[in-house]
Structure formats: C-alpha cells, structure tokens
Amino acid sequence: INITAEVRVAGKLIETRSLDDFTEFEINGTAGKLTADITPDGIAVIFADCPSQDCVHTGRIHSPGEVIVCLPNQVLIRIFDNNISRTEVDAVAK
C-alpha cells in the first residue's frame, strides 16, 4: 500500500506512518496526548485528552486528502497517496 498518514504537531512534521499495518501509537500534542489506531482500513484517533473530542468523533479516515484535526493539541493527521506528487495542483479557482 502506498497510502500514508502524516502527523504534524504545531505545523511540524512529527512522523509518517503506513496504513498497511495494525498498530496504536501516542501523539504528544501541545496541550496533551492523543492515541491513534492504524489498520489497513485507515487511521483514527481513539483517545484524546482535549475537551471537545472533535478528533475522536471524526472517525476513521483512509482516502488521500482526508484530515483529522485536534485544535487544542495542534495536531493534524492527513492521508497521502505516495504515488501522487504532493506539489501537483488539482484545481484552480478564479
């Protein structure tokens, strides 16, 4: 599988994970911790110590371009297809 999840905290790339695995891992955000769960079906935040839990309620994402955001912890998880250049423009608006 060439699909990966990129994890950023406060805009800084922390790690990139393949979605062809079964694993859980912790993410140290700016205000607390999150736990993410990876399966070949995608990635989901299954625990966060933030008050709103929006990142947990987002559910599992698996398609390129999908994101999970935890604003209190400044965490962004985005799905990428490694077969597609990240610099390609897919649309232009006027």
PDB file of N, CA and C in Angstrom:
ATOM      1  N   ILE A   1       0.853  -1.184   0.000  1.00  0.00           N
ATOM      2  CA  ILE A   1       0.000   0.000   0.000  1.00  0.00           C
ATOM      3  C   ILE A   1       0.889   1.233   0.000  1.00  0.00           C
ATOM      4  N   ASN A   2       0.516   2.208  -0.789  1.00  0.00           N
ATOM      5  CA  ASN A   2       1.270   3.450  -0.867  1.00  0.00           C
ATOM      6  C   ASN A   2       0.541   4.593  -0.187  1.00  0.00           C
ATOM      7  N   ILE A   3      -0.386   4.277   0.690  1.00  0.00           N
ATOM      8  CA  ILE A   3      -1.134   5.297   1.416  1.00  0.00           C
ATOM      9  C   ILE A   3      -0.478   5.483   2.781  1.00  0.00           C
ATOM     10  N   THR A   4      -0.203   6.738   3.137  1.00  0.00           N
ATOM     11  CA  THR A   4       0.417   7.026   4.420  1.00  0.00           C
ATOM     12  C   THR A   4      -0.345   8.117   5.151  1.00  0.00           C
ATOM     13  N   ALA A   5      -0.145   8.136   6.454  1.00  0.00           N
ATOM     14  CA  ALA A   5      -0.702   9.190   7.300  1.00  0.00           C
ATOM     15  C   ALA A   5       0.465  10.034   7.795  1.00  0.00           C
ATOM     16  N   GLU A   6       0.353  11.324   7.575  1.00  0.00           N
ATOM     17  CA  GLU A   6       1.364  12.274   8.027  1.00  0.00           C
ATOM     18  C   GLU A   6       0.850  12.950   9.293  1.00  0.00           C
ATOM     19  N   VAL A   7       1.653  12.950  10.349  1.00  0.00           N
ATOM     20  CA  VAL A   7       1.265  13.522  11.635  1.00  0.00           C
ATOM     21  C   VAL A   7       2.077  14.789  11.872  1.00  0.00           C
ATOM     22  N   ARG A   8       1.382  15.903  12.086  1.00  0.00           N
ATOM     23  CA  ARG A   8       2.031  17.175  12.382  1.00  0.00           C
ATOM     24  C   ARG A   8       1.527  17.711  13.717  1.00  0.00           C
ATOM     25  N   VAL A   9       2.437  18.321  14.469  1.00  0.00           N
ATOM     26  CA  VAL A   9       2.092  18.992  15.715  1.00  0.00           C
ATOM     27  C   VAL A   9       2.614  20.417  15.606  1.00  0.00           C
ATOM     28  N   ALA A  10       1.721  21.381  15.758  1.00  0.00           N
ATOM     29  CA  ALA A  10       2.058  22.803  15.638  1.00  0.00           C
ATOM     30  C   ALA A  10       2.765  23.073  14.310  1.00  0.00           C
ATOM     31  N   GLY A  11       2.325  22.390  13.250  1.00  0.00           N
ATOM     32  CA  GLY A  11       2.869  22.594  11.917  1.00  0.00           C
ATOM     33  C   GLY A  11       4.129  21.811  11.610  1.00  0.00           C
ATOM     34  N   LYS A  12       4.744  21.195  12.601  1.00  0.00           N
ATOM     35  CA  LYS A  12       5.989  20.458  12.408  1.00  0.00           C
ATOM     36  C   LYS A  12       5.700  18.980  12.149  1.00  0.00           C
ATOM     37  N   LEU A  13       6.304  18.434  11.092  1.00  0.00           N
ATOM     38  CA  LEU A  13       6.136  17.015  10.784  1.00  0.00           C
ATOM     39  C   LEU A  13       6.773  16.182  11.884  1.00  0.00           C
ATOM     40  N   ILE A  14       5.975  15.351  12.536  1.00  0.00           N
ATOM     41  CA  ILE A  14       6.449  14.504  13.626  1.00  0.00           C
ATOM     42  C   ILE A  14       6.781  13.108  13.108  1.00  0.00           C
ATOM     43  N   GLU A  15       5.877  12.553  12.295  1.00  0.00           N
ATOM     44  CA  GLU A  15       6.122  11.228  11.743  1.00  0.00           C
ATOM     45  C   GLU A  15       5.180  10.937  10.588  1.00  0.00           C
ATOM     46  N   THR A  16       5.569   9.938   9.813  1.00  0.00           N
ATOM     47  CA  THR A  16       4.749   9.438   8.723  1.00  0.00           C
ATOM     48  C   THR A  16       4.568   7.945   8.955  1.00  0.00           C
ATOM     49  N   ARG A  17       3.322   7.498   8.875  1.00  0.00           N
ATOM     50  CA  ARG A  17       3.006   6.089   9.140  1.00  0.00           C
ATOM     51  C   ARG A  17       2.298   5.474   7.940  1.00  0.00           C
ATOM     52  N   SER A  18       2.661   4.241   7.602  1.00  0.00           N
ATOM     53  CA  SER A  18       1.999   3.487   6.547  1.00  0.00           C
ATOM     54  C   SER A  18       0.660   2.973   7.075  1.00  0.00           C
ATOM     55  N   LEU A  19      -0.321   2.902   6.199  1.00  0.00           N
ATOM     56  CA  LEU A  19      -1.633   2.376   6.595  1.00  0.00           C
ATOM     57  C   LEU A  19      -1.753   0.871   6.347  1.00  0.00           C
ATOM     58  N   ASP A  20      -0.641   0.207   6.070  1.00  0.00           N
ATOM     59  CA  ASP A  20      -0.716  -1.229   5.839  1.00  0.00           C
ATOM     60  C   ASP A  20      -0.314  -2.025   7.077  1.00  0.00           C
ATOM     61  N   ASP A  21      -0.619  -1.490   8.239  1.00  0.00           N
ATOM     62  CA  ASP A  21      -0.211  -2.101   9.497  1.00  0.00           C
ATOM     63  C   ASP A  21      -1.387  -2.111  10.469  1.00  0.00           C
ATOM     64  N   PHE A  22      -1.230  -2.825  11.546  1.00  0.00           N
ATOM     65  CA  PHE A  22      -2.161  -2.778  12.667  1.00  0.00           C
ATOM     66  C   PHE A  22      -1.352  -2.301  13.865  1.00  0.00           C
ATOM     67  N   THR A  23      -1.577  -1.073  14.306  1.00  0.00           N
ATOM     68  CA  THR A  23      -0.804  -0.551  15.426  1.00  0.00           C
ATOM     69  C   THR A  23      -1.528   0.611  16.090  1.00  0.00           C
ATOM     70  N   GLU A  24      -1.181   0.846  17.324  1.00  0.00           N
ATOM     71  CA  GLU A  24      -1.610   2.048  18.047  1.00  0.00           C
ATOM     72  C   GLU A  24      -0.358   2.815  18.425  1.00  0.00           C
ATOM     73  N   PHE A  25      -0.449   4.137  18.440  1.00  0.00           N
ATOM     74  CA  PHE A  25       0.688   4.947  18.855  1.00  0.00           C
ATOM     75  C   PHE A  25       0.208   6.245  19.481  1.00  0.00           C
ATOM     76  N   GLU A  26       1.055   6.814  20.330  1.00  0.00           N
ATOM     77  CA  GLU A  26       0.732   8.071  21.008  1.00  0.00           C
ATOM     78  C   GLU A  26       1.297   9.258  20.244  1.00  0.00           C
ATOM     79  N   ILE A  27       0.557  10.347  20.307  1.00  0.00           N
ATOM     80  CA  ILE A  27       0.997  11.613  19.735  1.00  0.00           C
ATOM     81  C   ILE A  27       1.007  12.627  20.868  1.00  0.00           C
ATOM     82  N   ASN A  28       2.126  13.262  21.089  1.00  0.00           N
ATOM     83  CA  ASN A  28       2.238  14.305  22.102  1.00  0.00           C
ATOM     84  C   ASN A  28       1.907  15.642  21.467  1.00  0.00           C
ATOM     85  N   GLY A  29       0.706  16.147  21.756  1.00  0.00           N
ATOM     86  CA  GLY A  29       0.292  17.439  21.247  1.00  0.00           C
ATOM     87  C   GLY A  29       0.839  18.554  22.119  1.00  0.00           C
ATOM     88  N   THR A  30       0.477  19.780  21.787  1.00  0.00           N
ATOM     89  CA  THR A  30       0.978  20.925  22.540  1.00  0.00           C
ATOM     90  C   THR A  30       0.314  21.060  23.901  1.00  0.00           C
ATOM     91  N   ALA A  31      -0.876  20.456  24.076  1.00  0.00           N
ATOM     92  CA  ALA A  31      -1.587  20.587  25.346  1.00  0.00           C
ATOM     93  C   ALA A  31      -1.910  19.241  25.989  1.00  0.00           C
ATOM     94  N   GLY A  32      -1.554  18.147  25.327  1.00  0.00           N
ATOM     95  CA  GLY A  32      -1.873  16.837  25.874  1.00  0.00           C
ATOM     96  C   GLY A  32      -1.546  15.733  24.898  1.00  0.00           C
ATOM     97  N   LYS A  33      -2.095  14.558  25.162  1.00  0.00           N
ATOM     98  CA  LYS A  33      -1.792  13.370  24.364  1.00  0.00           C
ATOM     99  C   LYS A  33      -3.015  12.860  23.610  1.00  0.00           C
ATOM    100  N   LEU A  34      -2.727  12.216  22.494  1.00  0.00           N
ATOM    101  CA  LEU A  34      -3.732  11.528  21.697  1.00  0.00           C
ATOM    102  C   LEU A  34      -3.225  10.122  21.447  1.00  0.00           C
ATOM    103  N   THR A  35      -4.142   9.195  21.239  1.00  0.00           N
ATOM    104  CA  THR A  35      -3.786   7.851  20.816  1.00  0.00           C
ATOM    105  C   THR A  35      -4.443   7.605  19.471  1.00  0.00           C
ATOM    106  N   ALA A  36      -3.638   7.187  18.496  1.00  0.00           N
ATOM    107  CA  ALA A  36      -4.147   6.894  17.162  1.00  0.00           C
ATOM    108  C   ALA A  36      -4.070   5.397  16.913  1.00  0.00           C
ATOM    109  N   ASP A  37      -5.016   4.901  16.130  1.00  0.00           N
ATOM    110  CA  ASP A  37      -5.111   3.490  15.790  1.00  0.00           C
ATOM    111  C   ASP A  37      -5.033   3.366  14.270  1.00  0.00           C
ATOM    112  N   ILE A  38      -4.080   2.551  13.802  1.00  0.00           N
ATOM    113  CA  ILE A  38      -3.921   2.340  12.359  1.00  0.00           C
ATOM    114  C   ILE A  38      -4.288   0.904  12.021  1.00  0.00           C
ATOM    115  N   THR A  39      -5.078   0.756  10.961  1.00  0.00           N
ATOM    116  CA  THR A  39      -5.369  -0.532  10.348  1.00  0.00           C
ATOM    117  C   THR A  39      -5.320  -0.311   8.840  1.00  0.00           C
ATOM    118  N   PRO A  40      -5.351  -1.367   8.046  1.00  0.00           N
ATOM    119  CA  PRO A  40      -5.418  -1.161   6.595  1.00  0.00           C
ATOM    120  C   PRO A  40      -6.672  -0.398   6.157  1.00  0.00           C
ATOM    121  N   ASP A  41      -7.661  -0.270   7.050  1.00  0.00           N
ATOM    122  CA  ASP A  41      -8.872   0.499   6.748  1.00  0.00           C
ATOM    123  C   ASP A  41      -8.702   1.984   7.007  1.00  0.00           C
ATOM    124  N   GLY A  42      -7.569   2.402   7.587  1.00  0.00           N
ATOM    125  CA  GLY A  42      -7.333   3.822   7.812  1.00  0.00           C
ATOM    126  C   GLY A  42      -6.783   4.115   9.194  1.00  0.00           C
ATOM    127  N   ILE A  43      -6.867   5.368   9.571  1.00  0.00           N
ATOM    128  CA  ILE A  43      -6.364   5.824  10.857  1.00  0.00           C
ATOM    129  C   ILE A  43      -7.474   6.575  11.584  1.00  0.00           C
ATOM    130  N   ALA A  44      -7.509   6.411  12.903  1.00  0.00           N
ATOM    131  CA  ALA A  44      -8.499   7.099  13.731  1.00  0.00           C
ATOM    132  C   ALA A  44      -7.839   7.503  15.040  1.00  0.00           C
ATOM    133  N   VAL A  45      -8.289   8.615  15.590  1.00  0.00           N
ATOM    134  CA  VAL A  45      -7.893   8.987  16.944  1.00  0.00           C
ATOM    135  C   VAL A  45      -8.896   8.316  17.872  1.00  0.00           C
ATOM    136  N   ILE A  46      -8.397   7.449  18.756  1.00  0.00           N
ATOM    137  CA  ILE A  46      -9.294   6.701  19.639  1.00  0.00           C
ATOM    138  C   ILE A  46      -9.304   7.259  21.053  1.00  0.00           C
ATOM    139  N   PHE A  47      -8.351   8.142  21.372  1.00  0.00           N
ATOM    140  CA  PHE A  47      -8.328   8.814  22.664  1.00  0.00           C
ATOM    141  C   PHE A  47      -7.660  10.171  22.502  1.00  0.00           C
ATOM    142  N   ALA A  48      -8.222  11.163  23.167  1.00  0.00           N
ATOM    143  CA  ALA A  48      -7.599  12.484  23.232  1.00  0.00           C
ATOM    144  C   ALA A  48      -8.011  13.111  24.551  1.00  0.00           C
ATOM    145  N   ASP A  49      -7.074  13.806  25.180  1.00  0.00           N
ATOM    146  CA  ASP A  49      -7.415  14.426  26.459  1.00  0.00           C
ATOM    147  C   ASP A  49      -7.851  15.885  26.282  1.00  0.00           C
ATOM    148  N   CYS A  50      -8.388  16.196  25.116  1.00  0.00           N
ATOM    149  CA  CYS A  50      -8.941  17.528  24.875  1.00  0.00           C
ATOM    150  C   CYS A  50     -10.439  17.522  25.234  1.00  0.00           C
ATOM    151  N   PRO A  51     -11.001  18.687  25.536  1.00  0.00           N
ATOM    152  CA  PRO A  51     -12.399  18.720  25.982  1.00  0.00           C
ATOM    153  C   PRO A  51     -13.444  18.437  24.898  1.00  0.00           C
ATOM    154  N   SER A  52     -13.211  18.877  23.658  1.00  0.00           N
ATOM    155  CA  SER A  52     -14.263  18.776  22.641  1.00  0.00           C
ATOM    156  C   SER A  52     -14.363  17.398  21.991  1.00  0.00           C
ATOM    157  N   GLN A  53     -13.261  16.645  21.922  1.00  0.00           N
ATOM    158  CA  GLN A  53     -13.235  15.315  21.323  1.00  0.00           C
ATOM    159  C   GLN A  53     -13.584  15.305  19.838  1.00  0.00           C
ATOM    160  N   ASP A  54     -13.460  16.449  19.159  1.00  0.00           N
ATOM    161  CA  ASP A  54     -13.760  16.501  17.719  1.00  0.00           C
ATOM    162  C   ASP A  54     -12.888  15.524  16.935  1.00  0.00           C
ATOM    163  N   CYS A  55     -11.626  15.400  17.341  1.00  0.00           N
ATOM    164  CA  CYS A  55     -10.718  14.492  16.634  1.00  0.00           C
ATOM    165  C   CYS A  55     -11.163  13.039  16.774  1.00  0.00           C
ATOM    166  N   VAL A  56     -11.678  12.666  17.920  1.00  0.00           N
ATOM    167  CA  VAL A  56     -12.169  11.309  18.147  1.00  0.00           C
ATOM    168  C   VAL A  56     -13.450  11.087  17.343  1.00  0.00           C
ATOM    169  N   HIS A  57     -14.327  12.090  17.328  1.00  0.00           N
ATOM    170  CA  HIS A  57     -15.608  11.972  16.621  1.00  0.00           C
ATOM    171  C   HIS A  57     -15.461  12.005  15.102  1.00  0.00           C
ATOM    172  N   THR A  58     -14.301  12.417  14.604  1.00  0.00           N
ATOM    173  CA  THR A  58     -14.069  12.414  13.153  1.00  0.00           C
ATOM    174  C   THR A  58     -14.151  11.000  12.599  1.00  0.00           C
ATOM    175  N   GLY A  59     -13.758  10.029  13.395  1.00  0.00           N
ATOM    176  CA  GLY A  59     -13.797   8.641  12.948  1.00  0.00           C
ATOM    177  C   GLY A  59     -12.559   8.276  12.146  1.00  0.00           C
ATOM    178  N   ARG A  60     -12.656   7.170  11.437  1.00  0.00           N
ATOM    179  CA  ARG A  60     -11.518   6.627  10.683  1.00  0.00           C
ATOM    180  C   ARG A  60     -11.457   7.274   9.304  1.00  0.00           C
ATOM    181  N   ILE A  61     -10.255   7.742   8.931  1.00  0.00           N
ATOM    182  CA  ILE A  61     -10.054   8.308   7.601  1.00  0.00           C
ATOM    183  C   ILE A  61      -9.117   7.392   6.820  1.00  0.00           C
ATOM    184  N   HIS A  62      -9.291   7.366   5.478  1.00  0.00           N
ATOM    185  CA  HIS A  62      -8.496   6.450   4.668  1.00  0.00           C
ATOM    186  C   HIS A  62      -8.182   6.957   3.275  1.00  0.00           C
ATOM    187  N   SER A  63      -8.845   8.003   2.831  1.00  0.00           N
ATOM    188  CA  SER A  63      -8.651   8.491   1.464  1.00  0.00           C
ATOM    189  C   SER A  63      -7.700   9.678   1.440  1.00  0.00           C
ATOM    190  N   PRO A  64      -6.848   9.748   0.409  1.00  0.00           N
ATOM    191  CA  PRO A  64      -5.931  10.886   0.296  1.00  0.00           C
ATOM    192  C   PRO A  64      -6.673  12.214   0.366  1.00  0.00           C
ATOM    193  N   GLY A  65      -6.123  13.122   1.157  1.00  0.00           N
ATOM    194  CA  GLY A  65      -6.720  14.436   1.349  1.00  0.00           C
ATOM    195  C   GLY A  65      -7.569  14.544   2.608  1.00  0.00           C
ATOM    196  N   GLU A  66      -8.001  13.424   3.159  1.00  0.00           N
ATOM    197  CA  GLU A  66      -8.790  13.468   4.396  1.00  0.00           C
ATOM    198  C   GLU A  66      -7.901  13.847   5.574  1.00  0.00           C
ATOM    199  N   VAL A  67      -8.492  14.558   6.543  1.00  0.00           N
ATOM    200  CA  VAL A  67      -7.719  15.012   7.692  1.00  0.00           C
ATOM    201  C   VAL A  67      -8.478  14.788   8.999  1.00  0.00           C
ATOM    202  N   ILE A  68      -7.703  14.657  10.066  1.00  0.00           N
ATOM    203  CA  ILE A  68      -8.204  14.691  11.434  1.00  0.00           C
ATOM    204  C   ILE A  68      -7.472  15.841  12.101  1.00  0.00           C
ATOM    205  N   VAL A  69      -8.215  16.702  12.790  1.00  0.00           N
ATOM    206  CA  VAL A  69      -7.613  17.862  13.441  1.00  0.00           C
ATOM    207  C   VAL A  69      -7.996  17.878  14.909  1.00  0.00           C
ATOM    208  N   CYS A  70      -7.012  18.140  15.762  1.00  0.00           N
ATOM    209  CA  CYS A  70      -7.252  18.393  17.178  1.00  0.00           C
ATOM    210  C   CYS A  70      -6.706  19.799  17.451  1.00  0.00           C
ATOM    211  N   LEU A  71      -7.592  20.779  17.483  1.00  0.00           N
ATOM    212  CA  LEU A  71      -7.153  22.164  17.674  1.00  0.00           C
ATOM    213  C   LEU A  71      -6.490  22.420  19.026  1.00  0.00           C
ATOM    214  N   PRO A  72      -7.052  21.931  20.140  1.00  0.00           N
ATOM    215  CA  PRO A  72      -6.400  22.212  21.425  1.00  0.00           C
ATOM    216  C   PRO A  72      -4.959  21.688  21.495  1.00  0.00           C
ATOM    217  N   ASN A  73      -4.702  20.548  20.845  1.00  0.00           N
ATOM    218  CA  ASN A  73      -3.369  19.950  20.857  1.00  0.00           C
ATOM    219  C   ASN A  73      -2.531  20.316  19.633  1.00  0.00           C
ATOM    220  N   GLN A  74      -3.120  21.078  18.707  1.00  0.00           N
ATOM    221  CA  GLN A  74      -2.464  21.493  17.470  1.00  0.00           C
ATOM    222  C   GLN A  74      -1.940  20.304  16.672  1.00  0.00           C
ATOM    223  N   VAL A  75      -2.759  19.249  16.594  1.00  0.00           N
ATOM    224  CA  VAL A  75      -2.389  18.041  15.859  1.00  0.00           C
ATOM    225  C   VAL A  75      -3.195  17.971  14.566  1.00  0.00           C
ATOM    226  N   LEU A  76      -2.490  17.649  13.479  1.00  0.00           N
ATOM    227  CA  LEU A  76      -3.111  17.457  12.174  1.00  0.00           C
ATOM    228  C   LEU A  76      -2.626  16.119  11.629  1.00  0.00           C
ATOM    229  N   ILE A  77      -3.563  15.254  11.260  1.00  0.00           N
ATOM    230  CA  ILE A  77      -3.243  13.976  10.622  1.00  0.00           C
ATOM    231  C   ILE A  77      -3.865  14.022   9.241  1.00  0.00           C
ATOM    232  N   ARG A  78      -3.040  13.823   8.216  1.00  0.00           N
ATOM    233  CA  ARG A  78      -3.527  13.901   6.836  1.00  0.00           C
ATOM    234  C   ARG A  78      -3.103  12.649   6.084  1.00  0.00           C
ATOM    235  N   ILE A  79      -3.999  12.155   5.216  1.00  0.00           N
ATOM    236  CA  ILE A  79      -3.735  10.977   4.396  1.00  0.00           C
ATOM    237  C   ILE A  79      -3.152  11.409   3.055  1.00  0.00           C
ATOM    238  N   PHE A  80      -2.096  10.696   2.628  1.00  0.00           N
ATOM    239  CA  PHE A  80      -1.455  10.946   1.338  1.00  0.00           C
ATOM    240  C   PHE A  80      -1.328   9.655   0.555  1.00  0.00           C
ATOM    241  N   ASP A  81      -1.418   9.766  -0.769  1.00  0.00           N
ATOM    242  CA  ASP A  81      -1.091   8.675  -1.682  1.00  0.00           C
ATOM    243  C   ASP A  81       0.314   8.960  -2.186  1.00  0.00           C
ATOM    244  N   ASN A  82       1.262   8.091  -1.866  1.00  0.00           N
ATOM    245  CA  ASN A  82       2.651   8.325  -2.236  1.00  0.00           C
ATOM    246  C   ASN A  82       2.905   8.207  -3.729  1.00  0.00           C
ATOM    247  N   ASN A  83       1.921   7.737  -4.497  1.00  0.00           N
ATOM    248  CA  ASN A  83       2.064   7.683  -5.950  1.00  0.00           C
ATOM    249  C   ASN A  83       1.730   9.013  -6.609  1.00  0.00           C
ATOM    250  N   ILE A  84       1.218   9.953  -5.827  1.00  0.00           N
ATOM    251  CA  ILE A  84       0.829  11.264  -6.358  1.00  0.00           C
ATOM    252  C   ILE A  84       1.728  12.314  -5.747  1.00  0.00           C
ATOM    253  N   SER A  85       2.298  13.152  -6.580  1.00  0.00           N
ATOM    254  CA  SER A  85       3.164  14.224  -6.099  1.00  0.00           C
ATOM    255  C   SER A  85       2.366  15.172  -5.221  1.00  0.00           C
ATOM    256  N   ARG A  86       2.941  15.587  -4.107  1.00  0.00           N
ATOM    257  CA  ARG A  86       2.253  16.497  -3.182  1.00  0.00           C
ATOM    258  C   ARG A  86       2.278  17.938  -3.662  1.00  0.00           C
ATOM    259  N   THR A  87       3.004  18.199  -4.731  1.00  0.00           N
ATOM    260  CA  THR A  87       3.073  19.555  -5.257  1.00  0.00           C
ATOM    261  C   THR A  87       2.170  19.776  -6.451  1.00  0.00           C
ATOM    262  N   GLU A  88       1.499  18.705  -6.908  1.00  0.00           N
ATOM    263  CA  GLU A  88       0.606  18.841  -8.047  1.00  0.00           C
ATOM    264  C   GLU A  88      -0.617  19.681  -7.690  1.00  0.00           C
ATOM    265  N   VAL A  89      -1.041  20.492  -8.627  1.00  0.00           N
ATOM    266  CA  VAL A  89      -2.271  21.280  -8.443  1.00  0.00           C
ATOM    267  C   VAL A  89      -3.425  20.455  -8.983  1.00  0.00           C
ATOM    268  N   ASP A  90      -4.464  20.296  -8.167  1.00  0.00           N
ATOM    269  CA  ASP A  90      -5.604  19.509  -8.634  1.00  0.00           C
ATOM    270  C   ASP A  90      -6.793  20.384  -9.027  1.00  0.00           C
ATOM    271  N   ALA A  91      -6.693  21.695  -8.778  1.00  0.00           N
ATOM    272  CA  ALA A  91      -7.768  22.614  -9.174  1.00  0.00           C
ATOM    273  C   ALA A  91      -7.246  24.044  -9.114  1.00  0.00           C
ATOM    274  N   VAL A  92      -7.874  24.890  -9.902  1.00  0.00           N
ATOM    275  CA  VAL A  92      -7.539  26.314  -9.891  1.00  0.00           C
ATOM    276  C   VAL A  92      -8.845  27.088  -9.780  1.00  0.00           C
ATOM    277  N   ALA A  93      -8.893  28.045  -8.867  1.00  0.00           N
ATOM    278  CA  ALA A  93     -10.086  28.872  -8.689  1.00  0.00           C
ATOM    279  C   ALA A  93      -9.773  30.305  -9.105  1.00  0.00           C
ATOM    280  N   LYS A  94     -10.733  30.956  -9.726  1.00  0.00           N
ATOM    281  CA  LYS A  94     -10.549  32.354 -10.136  1.00  0.00           C
ATOM    282  C   LYS A  94     -11.485  33.226  -9.337  1.00  0.00           C
TER     283      LYS A  94
END
